[in-house]
Amino acid sequence: MRDKPRCGRGETLIANVTIALLATIAGFITALWILLLWVGDGVSPTDMEGDLDPILGARDQPAIYESYGPFIPMPDHLRTHDQMVAWMTKELPKLTAEISNPRS
């Protein structure tokens, strides 16, 4: 009787070839999946938040701000971070105090 061809630690040649083929197929499928994720991400629109955020519409902005009470816009002349922080810490509390306690 002929012995089966053996490789390594007593494993048969067919088992080694089967494992090699399965590993190759799994690697190919994984590479396709990663490529699909990479290319598919570039196809999707980059600004998905615009569909979910109702404040971005020009018509909706006043309605949303008016529905939650008074809205105090930041002045347009403020350009630097320090100017904005100074306005928020000095002027904004005065404005909100006037709104919450109107003088008769």
Protein backbone atom coordinates (compact mmCIF):
# COMPACT_ATOMS: atom_id res chain seq x y z
CA MET A 1 0.00 0.00 0.00
CA ARG A 2 1.23 3.49 -0.82
CA ASP A 3 1.52 6.03 1.91
CA LYS A 4 -0.18 9.39 1.41
CA PRO A 5 2.25 12.25 0.76
CA ARG A 6 2.91 14.05 4.02
CA CYS A 7 4.14 17.55 4.77
CA GLY A 8 5.34 19.02 8.02
CA ARG A 9 4.00 17.40 11.19
CA GLY A 10 2.04 14.58 9.64
CA GLU A 11 -0.56 16.73 7.86
CA THR A 12 -1.60 15.66 4.41
CA LEU A 13 -0.79 17.65 1.33
CA ILE A 14 -4.48 18.10 0.50
CA ALA A 15 -5.17 19.70 3.89
CA ASN A 16 -2.33 22.18 3.36
CA VAL A 17 -3.54 23.09 -0.13
CA THR A 18 -7.12 23.50 1.15
CA ILE A 19 -6.00 25.80 3.96
CA ALA A 20 -3.88 27.84 1.53
CA LEU A 21 -6.79 28.23 -0.89
CA LEU A 22 -9.22 29.20 1.87
CA ALA A 23 -6.75 31.76 3.24
CA THR A 24 -6.27 33.21 -0.26
CA ILE A 25 -10.03 33.49 -0.84
CA ALA A 26 -10.58 35.04 2.61
CA GLY A 27 -7.81 37.57 1.95
CA PHE A 28 -9.29 38.45 -1.44
CA ILE A 29 -12.77 38.97 0.02
CA THR A 30 -11.31 41.08 2.83
CA ALA A 31 -9.39 43.21 0.32
CA LEU A 32 -12.58 43.77 -1.70
CA TRP A 33 -14.48 44.71 1.46
CA ILE A 34 -11.82 47.23 2.51
CA LEU A 35 -11.73 48.66 -1.02
CA LEU A 36 -15.51 49.01 -1.00
CA LEU A 37 -15.39 50.83 2.34
CA TRP A 38 -12.62 53.13 1.13
CA VAL A 39 -14.16 53.98 -2.24
CA GLY A 40 -17.72 53.99 -0.92
CA ASP A 41 -16.80 56.60 1.67
CA GLY A 42 -15.66 58.99 -1.03
CA VAL A 43 -18.90 58.61 -2.96
CA SER A 44 -21.15 59.59 -0.06
CA PRO A 45 -21.96 63.28 0.42
CA THR A 46 -19.59 64.99 2.83
CA ASP A 47 -22.17 67.24 4.47
CA MET A 48 -24.61 64.82 6.04
CA GLU A 49 -25.31 67.15 8.95
CA GLY A 50 -27.10 69.64 6.70
CA ASP A 51 -30.02 67.28 6.28
CA LEU A 52 -30.40 66.79 10.02
CA ASP A 53 -29.85 70.33 11.28
CA PRO A 54 -32.98 72.45 10.87
CA ILE A 55 -31.21 75.72 11.74
CA LEU A 56 -29.20 75.78 8.50
CA GLY A 57 -32.21 76.83 6.43
CA ALA A 58 -32.56 80.63 6.07
CA ARG A 59 -36.33 80.45 6.46
CA ASP A 60 -36.20 78.21 9.55
CA GLN A 61 -33.67 80.26 11.52
CA PRO A 62 -36.01 83.04 12.70
CA ALA A 63 -38.79 80.60 13.52
CA ILE A 64 -36.54 78.44 15.66
CA TYR A 65 -34.90 81.33 17.48
CA GLU A 66 -38.22 83.07 18.11
CA SER A 67 -39.83 79.92 19.46
CA TYR A 68 -37.33 79.62 22.33
CA GLY A 69 -37.61 83.15 23.61
CA PRO A 70 -35.33 86.13 23.11
CA PHE A 71 -32.27 85.74 20.95
CA ILE A 72 -29.36 88.14 21.27
CA PRO A 73 -27.15 88.06 18.18
CA MET A 74 -23.45 88.67 18.55
CA PRO A 75 -22.44 92.03 17.05
CA ASP A 76 -20.76 91.90 13.66
CA HIS A 77 -17.89 94.18 14.68
CA LEU A 78 -16.40 91.48 16.95
CA ARG A 79 -13.62 89.77 15.01
CA THR A 80 -11.09 88.29 17.42
CA HIS A 81 -11.56 85.66 20.07
CA ASP A 82 -10.65 88.11 22.82
CA GLN A 83 -13.24 90.63 21.65
CA MET A 84 -15.95 87.94 21.59
CA VAL A 85 -15.05 86.69 25.06
CA ALA A 86 -15.02 90.24 26.42
CA TRP A 87 -18.45 90.91 24.90
CA MET A 88 -19.87 87.66 26.32
CA THR A 89 -18.53 88.32 29.81
CA LYS A 90 -19.27 92.06 30.04
CA GLU A 91 -22.09 93.10 27.71
CA LEU A 92 -24.13 89.92 27.31
CA PRO A 93 -25.00 89.58 31.03
CA LYS A 94 -26.28 93.17 31.01
CA LEU A 95 -28.46 92.48 27.97
CA THR A 96 -29.89 89.27 29.39
CA ALA A 97 -30.59 90.99 32.72
CA GLU A 98 -32.52 93.73 30.90
CA ILE A 99 -34.58 91.14 29.02
CA SER A 100 -35.40 89.07 32.10
CA ASN A 101 -36.18 92.15 34.27
CA PRO A 102 -37.78 94.74 31.98
CA ARG A 103 -38.13 98.18 33.50
CA SER A 104 -41.68 99.47 33.57
